[in-house]
Amino acid sequence: MKSEKEVNLMSPLVWAYVGDCVYELFIRTHLVETTHFKPHKLHIEAIKYVKAKAQAKILENLQEMLTDKEKEIIRRTRNTENHHLPKNADLTDYTYATAFEGLIGYLYLSNQKKRLEEILNKCI
């Protein structure tokens, strides 16, 4: 893991890239541990959590528990120019979902495991 100072120097889109993976793994693991679904049904259920609209809503619901530093991470990620246009999502939802993934990736990369767990557990 890198120091928080090193993680701060990374592009927020790198945070989001890692955060996307961390969040999806968290959701998939949660579904496997709490259901007896077969793979196709697991995929269908996971999509409900990981689609842009759902992530944007989660971020909205987390606002009151976020620190000023976390809000700054979200702002930086949301405002980073992304040349990828969403195919199946509203642009606003997509930018807030990317910001959510940025926060998750930042916490993961800077080894803030306890805080990451607190936030992820609020997502389910």
N, C-alpha and C. Protein backbone atom coordinates (compact mmCIF):
# COMPACT_ATOMS: atom_id res chain seq x y z
N MET A 1 0.83 -1.18 0.00
CA MET A 1 0.00 0.00 0.00
C MET A 1 0.88 1.25 0.00
N LYS A 2 0.31 2.32 -0.48
CA LYS A 2 1.03 3.58 -0.57
C LYS A 2 0.64 4.48 0.60
N SER A 3 1.47 5.47 0.84
CA SER A 3 1.13 6.44 1.87
C SER A 3 0.01 7.34 1.36
N GLU A 4 -0.68 7.98 2.28
CA GLU A 4 -1.76 8.88 1.89
C GLU A 4 -1.21 10.00 1.01
N LYS A 5 -0.01 10.45 1.30
CA LYS A 5 0.62 11.50 0.49
C LYS A 5 0.80 11.03 -0.96
N GLU A 6 1.27 9.79 -1.13
CA GLU A 6 1.46 9.23 -2.48
C GLU A 6 0.12 9.06 -3.19
N VAL A 7 -0.89 8.61 -2.47
CA VAL A 7 -2.22 8.41 -3.06
C VAL A 7 -2.80 9.76 -3.49
N ASN A 8 -2.55 10.80 -2.71
CA ASN A 8 -3.04 12.14 -3.06
C ASN A 8 -2.48 12.63 -4.40
N LEU A 9 -1.32 12.14 -4.79
CA LEU A 9 -0.70 12.56 -6.04
C LEU A 9 -1.23 11.82 -7.26
N MET A 10 -1.97 10.76 -7.04
CA MET A 10 -2.55 9.98 -8.14
C MET A 10 -3.74 10.72 -8.74
N SER A 11 -4.04 10.38 -9.98
CA SER A 11 -5.25 10.92 -10.60
C SER A 11 -6.49 10.36 -9.89
N PRO A 12 -7.48 11.19 -9.65
CA PRO A 12 -8.73 10.69 -9.07
C PRO A 12 -9.38 9.58 -9.91
N LEU A 13 -9.10 9.57 -11.21
CA LEU A 13 -9.66 8.50 -12.04
C LEU A 13 -8.97 7.17 -11.76
N VAL A 14 -7.74 7.20 -11.27
CA VAL A 14 -7.07 5.98 -10.83
C VAL A 14 -7.75 5.48 -9.56
N TRP A 15 -8.08 6.40 -8.65
CA TRP A 15 -8.82 6.01 -7.44
C TRP A 15 -10.12 5.32 -7.84
N ALA A 16 -10.83 5.93 -8.80
CA ALA A 16 -12.12 5.37 -9.24
C ALA A 16 -11.94 4.01 -9.91
N TYR A 17 -10.88 3.86 -10.68
CA TYR A 17 -10.59 2.59 -11.34
C TYR A 17 -10.45 1.47 -10.31
N VAL A 18 -9.70 1.74 -9.25
CA VAL A 18 -9.51 0.74 -8.19
C VAL A 18 -10.80 0.60 -7.37
N GLY A 19 -11.44 1.72 -7.08
CA GLY A 19 -12.67 1.69 -6.29
C GLY A 19 -13.78 0.89 -6.93
N ASP A 20 -13.87 0.95 -8.25
CA ASP A 20 -14.86 0.16 -8.98
C ASP A 20 -14.68 -1.32 -8.69
N CYS A 21 -13.46 -1.77 -8.73
CA CYS A 21 -13.14 -3.18 -8.47
C CYS A 21 -13.41 -3.55 -7.02
N VAL A 22 -12.96 -2.72 -6.09
CA VAL A 22 -13.14 -2.99 -4.66
C VAL A 22 -14.62 -3.07 -4.33
N TYR A 23 -15.39 -2.12 -4.82
CA TYR A 23 -16.83 -2.09 -4.53
C TYR A 23 -17.54 -3.30 -5.13
N GLU A 24 -17.22 -3.62 -6.38
CA GLU A 24 -17.87 -4.77 -7.01
C GLU A 24 -17.53 -6.06 -6.28
N LEU A 25 -16.28 -6.22 -5.87
CA LEU A 25 -15.90 -7.42 -5.11
C LEU A 25 -16.64 -7.47 -3.77
N PHE A 26 -16.77 -6.33 -3.11
CA PHE A 26 -17.51 -6.27 -1.85
C PHE A 26 -18.97 -6.72 -2.06
N ILE A 27 -19.61 -6.19 -3.09
CA ILE A 27 -21.01 -6.54 -3.36
C ILE A 27 -21.13 -8.02 -3.72
N ARG A 28 -20.29 -8.51 -4.59
CA ARG A 28 -20.36 -9.92 -4.99
C ARG A 28 -20.13 -10.83 -3.79
N THR A 29 -19.17 -10.50 -2.96
CA THR A 29 -18.89 -11.30 -1.76
C THR A 29 -20.10 -11.26 -0.82
N HIS A 30 -20.66 -10.10 -0.63
CA HIS A 30 -21.85 -9.96 0.23
C HIS A 30 -22.99 -10.85 -0.28
N LEU A 31 -23.23 -10.83 -1.58
CA LEU A 31 -24.33 -11.62 -2.14
C LEU A 31 -24.06 -13.12 -2.01
N VAL A 32 -22.83 -13.53 -2.22
CA VAL A 32 -22.48 -14.95 -2.08
C VAL A 32 -22.66 -15.39 -0.63
N GLU A 33 -22.30 -14.53 0.30
CA GLU A 33 -22.38 -14.87 1.72
C GLU A 33 -23.81 -14.82 2.28
N THR A 34 -24.69 -14.06 1.64
CA THR A 34 -26.03 -13.86 2.22
C THR A 34 -27.16 -14.48 1.40
N THR A 35 -26.83 -15.08 0.25
CA THR A 35 -27.86 -15.70 -0.57
C THR A 35 -27.40 -17.09 -1.00
N HIS A 36 -28.29 -17.78 -1.65
CA HIS A 36 -27.94 -19.08 -2.24
C HIS A 36 -28.22 -19.03 -3.75
N PHE A 37 -28.04 -17.84 -4.34
CA PHE A 37 -28.32 -17.65 -5.75
C PHE A 37 -27.28 -18.35 -6.62
N LYS A 38 -27.74 -18.72 -7.80
CA LYS A 38 -26.83 -19.25 -8.82
C LYS A 38 -26.16 -18.07 -9.51
N PRO A 39 -25.07 -18.31 -10.25
CA PRO A 39 -24.29 -17.22 -10.82
C PRO A 39 -25.08 -16.17 -11.61
N HIS A 40 -26.02 -16.60 -12.44
CA HIS A 40 -26.78 -15.62 -13.23
C HIS A 40 -27.59 -14.70 -12.32
N LYS A 41 -28.24 -15.26 -11.34
CA LYS A 41 -29.03 -14.45 -10.39
C LYS A 41 -28.11 -13.55 -9.56
N LEU A 42 -26.94 -14.05 -9.19
CA LEU A 42 -25.96 -13.22 -8.47
C LEU A 42 -25.59 -12.00 -9.31
N HIS A 43 -25.38 -12.22 -10.60
CA HIS A 43 -25.04 -11.12 -11.50
C HIS A 43 -26.17 -10.10 -11.57
N ILE A 44 -27.39 -10.58 -11.72
CA ILE A 44 -28.56 -9.69 -11.81
C ILE A 44 -28.69 -8.86 -10.53
N GLU A 45 -28.50 -9.49 -9.39
CA GLU A 45 -28.59 -8.77 -8.10
C GLU A 45 -27.44 -7.77 -7.94
N ALA A 46 -26.24 -8.17 -8.33
CA ALA A 46 -25.08 -7.29 -8.20
C ALA A 46 -25.27 -6.01 -9.01
N ILE A 47 -25.85 -6.13 -10.18
CA ILE A 47 -26.08 -4.96 -11.04
C ILE A 47 -26.92 -3.92 -10.31
N LYS A 48 -27.85 -4.35 -9.49
CA LYS A 48 -28.70 -3.41 -8.75
C LYS A 48 -27.88 -2.50 -7.84
N TYR A 49 -26.75 -2.98 -7.38
CA TYR A 49 -25.88 -2.22 -6.48
C TYR A 49 -24.81 -1.42 -7.21
N VAL A 50 -24.31 -1.95 -8.32
CA VAL A 50 -23.14 -1.35 -8.95
C VAL A 50 -23.46 -0.43 -10.13
N LYS A 51 -24.71 -0.37 -10.56
CA LYS A 51 -25.02 0.54 -11.66
C LYS A 51 -24.87 1.99 -11.18
N ALA A 52 -24.63 2.88 -12.12
CA ALA A 52 -24.33 4.28 -11.80
C ALA A 52 -25.42 4.93 -10.96
N LYS A 53 -26.67 4.72 -11.30
CA LYS A 53 -27.77 5.34 -10.56
C LYS A 53 -27.76 4.90 -9.09
N ALA A 54 -27.50 3.63 -8.84
CA ALA A 54 -27.46 3.12 -7.46
C ALA A 54 -26.27 3.71 -6.70
N GLN A 55 -25.12 3.79 -7.34
CA GLN A 55 -23.95 4.35 -6.67
C GLN A 55 -24.13 5.84 -6.38
N ALA A 56 -24.75 6.56 -7.29
CA ALA A 56 -25.01 7.99 -7.06
C ALA A 56 -25.95 8.16 -5.86
N LYS A 57 -26.94 7.31 -5.75
CA LYS A 57 -27.88 7.35 -4.62
C LYS A 57 -27.16 7.01 -3.31
N ILE A 58 -26.30 6.03 -3.34
CA ILE A 58 -25.53 5.66 -2.15
C ILE A 58 -24.70 6.85 -1.69
N LEU A 59 -24.03 7.50 -2.63
CA LEU A 59 -23.20 8.66 -2.28
C LEU A 59 -24.05 9.76 -1.64
N GLU A 60 -25.22 9.98 -2.19
CA GLU A 60 -26.14 10.98 -1.62
C GLU A 60 -26.50 10.61 -0.17
N ASN A 61 -26.76 9.34 0.08
CA ASN A 61 -27.15 8.88 1.41
C ASN A 61 -25.98 8.91 2.41
N LEU A 62 -24.76 8.88 1.92
CA LEU A 62 -23.59 8.88 2.79
C LEU A 62 -23.16 10.28 3.24
N GLN A 63 -23.68 11.31 2.61
CA GLN A 63 -23.17 12.67 2.80
C GLN A 63 -23.00 13.07 4.27
N GLU A 64 -23.96 12.74 5.10
CA GLU A 64 -23.90 13.19 6.50
C GLU A 64 -22.78 12.53 7.30
N MET A 65 -22.31 11.38 6.87
CA MET A 65 -21.27 10.68 7.64
C MET A 65 -19.86 10.93 7.11
N LEU A 66 -19.76 11.65 6.01
CA LEU A 66 -18.45 11.88 5.39
C LEU A 66 -17.69 13.01 6.07
N THR A 67 -16.38 12.84 6.13
CA THR A 67 -15.51 13.89 6.67
C THR A 67 -15.28 14.94 5.59
N ASP A 68 -14.73 16.06 5.99
CA ASP A 68 -14.39 17.10 5.01
C ASP A 68 -13.37 16.58 4.00
N LYS A 69 -12.41 15.79 4.46
CA LYS A 69 -11.41 15.21 3.57
C LYS A 69 -12.07 14.29 2.54
N GLU A 70 -13.01 13.47 2.98
CA GLU A 70 -13.72 12.56 2.06
C GLU A 70 -14.56 13.34 1.06
N LYS A 71 -15.17 14.40 1.51
CA LYS A 71 -15.95 15.26 0.59
C LYS A 71 -15.03 15.89 -0.46
N GLU A 72 -13.82 16.24 -0.05
CA GLU A 72 -12.84 16.79 -0.99
C GLU A 72 -12.42 15.74 -2.01
N ILE A 73 -12.23 14.51 -1.58
CA ILE A 73 -11.89 13.41 -2.49
C ILE A 73 -13.00 13.24 -3.52
N ILE A 74 -14.23 13.27 -3.05
CA ILE A 74 -15.39 13.13 -3.93
C ILE A 74 -15.43 14.29 -4.93
N ARG A 75 -15.23 15.51 -4.44
CA ARG A 75 -15.26 16.69 -5.31
C ARG A 75 -14.17 16.58 -6.38
N ARG A 76 -12.96 16.21 -5.95
CA ARG A 76 -11.86 16.08 -6.91
C ARG A 76 -12.16 15.04 -7.98
N THR A 77 -12.71 13.91 -7.57
CA THR A 77 -13.00 12.85 -8.54
C THR A 77 -14.12 13.28 -9.48
N ARG A 78 -15.16 13.86 -8.92
CA ARG A 78 -16.31 14.29 -9.73
C ARG A 78 -15.89 15.33 -10.77
N ASN A 79 -14.96 16.21 -10.40
CA ASN A 79 -14.56 17.30 -11.28
C ASN A 79 -13.43 16.96 -12.24
N THR A 80 -12.87 15.77 -12.12
CA THR A 80 -11.79 15.36 -13.03
C THR A 80 -12.39 15.06 -14.39
N GLU A 81 -11.77 15.62 -15.41
CA GLU A 81 -12.28 15.43 -16.76
C GLU A 81 -12.13 13.96 -17.16
N ASN A 82 -13.24 13.40 -17.54
CA ASN A 82 -13.29 11.99 -17.94
C ASN A 82 -13.79 11.96 -19.38
N HIS A 83 -13.00 11.40 -20.27
CA HIS A 83 -13.38 11.38 -21.69
C HIS A 83 -14.28 10.21 -22.05
N HIS A 84 -14.62 9.43 -21.05
CA HIS A 84 -15.52 8.28 -21.26
C HIS A 84 -16.96 8.74 -21.08
N LEU A 85 -17.77 8.53 -22.07
CA LEU A 85 -19.18 8.88 -21.97
C LEU A 85 -19.98 7.63 -21.63
N PRO A 86 -20.89 7.73 -20.66
CA PRO A 86 -21.66 6.54 -20.28
C PRO A 86 -22.63 6.13 -21.37
N LYS A 87 -22.78 4.83 -21.54
CA LYS A 87 -23.71 4.30 -22.54
C LYS A 87 -25.09 4.06 -21.94
N ASN A 88 -25.13 3.61 -20.70
CA ASN A 88 -26.40 3.21 -20.09
C ASN A 88 -26.72 3.99 -18.83
N ALA A 89 -26.22 5.22 -18.73
CA ALA A 89 -26.46 5.99 -17.51
C ALA A 89 -26.57 7.47 -17.83
N ASP A 90 -27.29 8.16 -16.99
CA ASP A 90 -27.38 9.60 -17.04
C ASP A 90 -26.00 10.18 -16.69
N LEU A 91 -25.58 11.23 -17.36
CA LEU A 91 -24.25 11.80 -17.13
C LEU A 91 -24.05 12.24 -15.69
N THR A 92 -25.06 12.83 -15.07
CA THR A 92 -24.95 13.25 -13.67
C THR A 92 -24.77 12.05 -12.75
N ASP A 93 -25.60 11.03 -12.93
CA ASP A 93 -25.43 9.80 -12.13
C ASP A 93 -24.05 9.21 -12.33
N TYR A 94 -23.59 9.22 -13.57
CA TYR A 94 -22.28 8.65 -13.89
C TYR A 94 -21.15 9.39 -13.17
N THR A 95 -21.21 10.72 -13.15
CA THR A 95 -20.14 11.48 -12.50
C THR A 95 -20.17 11.27 -10.99
N TYR A 96 -21.36 11.17 -10.40
CA TYR A 96 -21.44 10.91 -8.96
C TYR A 96 -21.05 9.47 -8.63
N ALA A 97 -21.36 8.54 -9.50
CA ALA A 97 -20.92 7.15 -9.30
C ALA A 97 -19.40 7.07 -9.38
N THR A 98 -18.81 7.78 -10.32
CA THR A 98 -17.35 7.82 -10.42
C THR A 98 -16.75 8.43 -9.16
N ALA A 99 -17.40 9.47 -8.63
CA ALA A 99 -16.93 10.10 -7.39
C ALA A 99 -17.00 9.12 -6.22
N PHE A 100 -18.08 8.34 -6.15
CA PHE A 100 -18.21 7.31 -5.12
C PHE A 100 -17.08 6.29 -5.24
N GLU A 101 -16.84 5.82 -6.46
CA GLU A 101 -15.76 4.85 -6.69
C GLU A 101 -14.41 5.47 -6.36
N GLY A 102 -14.25 6.76 -6.62
CA GLY A 102 -13.01 7.45 -6.26
C GLY A 102 -12.76 7.42 -4.77
N LEU A 103 -13.81 7.65 -3.99
CA LEU A 103 -13.68 7.59 -2.53
C LEU A 103 -13.30 6.19 -2.07
N ILE A 104 -13.97 5.19 -2.61
CA ILE A 104 -13.67 3.81 -2.23
C ILE A 104 -12.23 3.46 -2.59
N GLY A 105 -11.81 3.82 -3.79
CA GLY A 105 -10.44 3.55 -4.22
C GLY A 105 -9.41 4.28 -3.40
N TYR A 106 -9.70 5.52 -3.06
CA TYR A 106 -8.77 6.32 -2.24
C TYR A 106 -8.57 5.66 -0.88
N LEU A 107 -9.67 5.30 -0.24
CA LEU A 107 -9.58 4.66 1.08
C LEU A 107 -8.83 3.34 1.00
N TYR A 108 -9.09 2.59 -0.05
CA TYR A 108 -8.41 1.30 -0.22
C TYR A 108 -6.90 1.50 -0.45
N LEU A 109 -6.57 2.37 -1.38
CA LEU A 109 -5.16 2.57 -1.73
C LEU A 109 -4.36 3.18 -0.59
N SER A 110 -5.00 3.98 0.25
CA SER A 110 -4.29 4.60 1.37
C SER A 110 -4.40 3.76 2.64
N ASN A 111 -4.90 2.54 2.48
CA ASN A 111 -4.94 1.54 3.55
C ASN A 111 -5.78 1.97 4.75
N GLN A 112 -6.87 2.68 4.49
CA GLN A 112 -7.79 3.11 5.55
C GLN A 112 -8.91 2.07 5.66
N LYS A 113 -8.52 0.87 6.05
CA LYS A 113 -9.43 -0.28 6.02
C LYS A 113 -10.66 -0.11 6.90
N LYS A 114 -10.47 0.39 8.11
CA LYS A 114 -11.60 0.53 9.03
C LYS A 114 -12.65 1.49 8.46
N ARG A 115 -12.19 2.62 7.94
CA ARG A 115 -13.13 3.60 7.37
C ARG A 115 -13.78 3.04 6.11
N LEU A 116 -13.00 2.33 5.30
CA LEU A 116 -13.55 1.70 4.09
C LEU A 116 -14.66 0.74 4.46
N GLU A 117 -14.43 -0.09 5.47
CA GLU A 117 -15.47 -1.03 5.93
C GLU A 117 -16.72 -0.30 6.40
N GLU A 118 -16.54 0.78 7.17
CA GLU A 118 -17.69 1.55 7.66
C GLU A 118 -18.54 2.04 6.51
N ILE A 119 -17.89 2.59 5.51
CA ILE A 119 -18.62 3.14 4.35
C ILE A 119 -19.25 2.02 3.53
N LEU A 120 -18.50 0.96 3.25
CA LEU A 120 -19.07 -0.14 2.46
C LEU A 120 -20.27 -0.78 3.15
N ASN A 121 -20.19 -0.92 4.45
CA ASN A 121 -21.31 -1.53 5.18
C ASN A 121 -22.57 -0.67 5.18
N LYS A 122 -22.43 0.61 4.89
CA LYS A 122 -23.60 1.50 4.75
C LYS A 122 -24.24 1.36 3.37
N CYS A 123 -23.56 0.66 2.47
CA CYS A 123 -24.03 0.53 1.08
C CYS A 123 -25.02 -0.62 0.88
N ILE A 124 -25.10 -1.49 1.86
CA ILE A 124 -25.96 -2.68 1.68
C ILE A 124 -27.16 -2.65 2.62
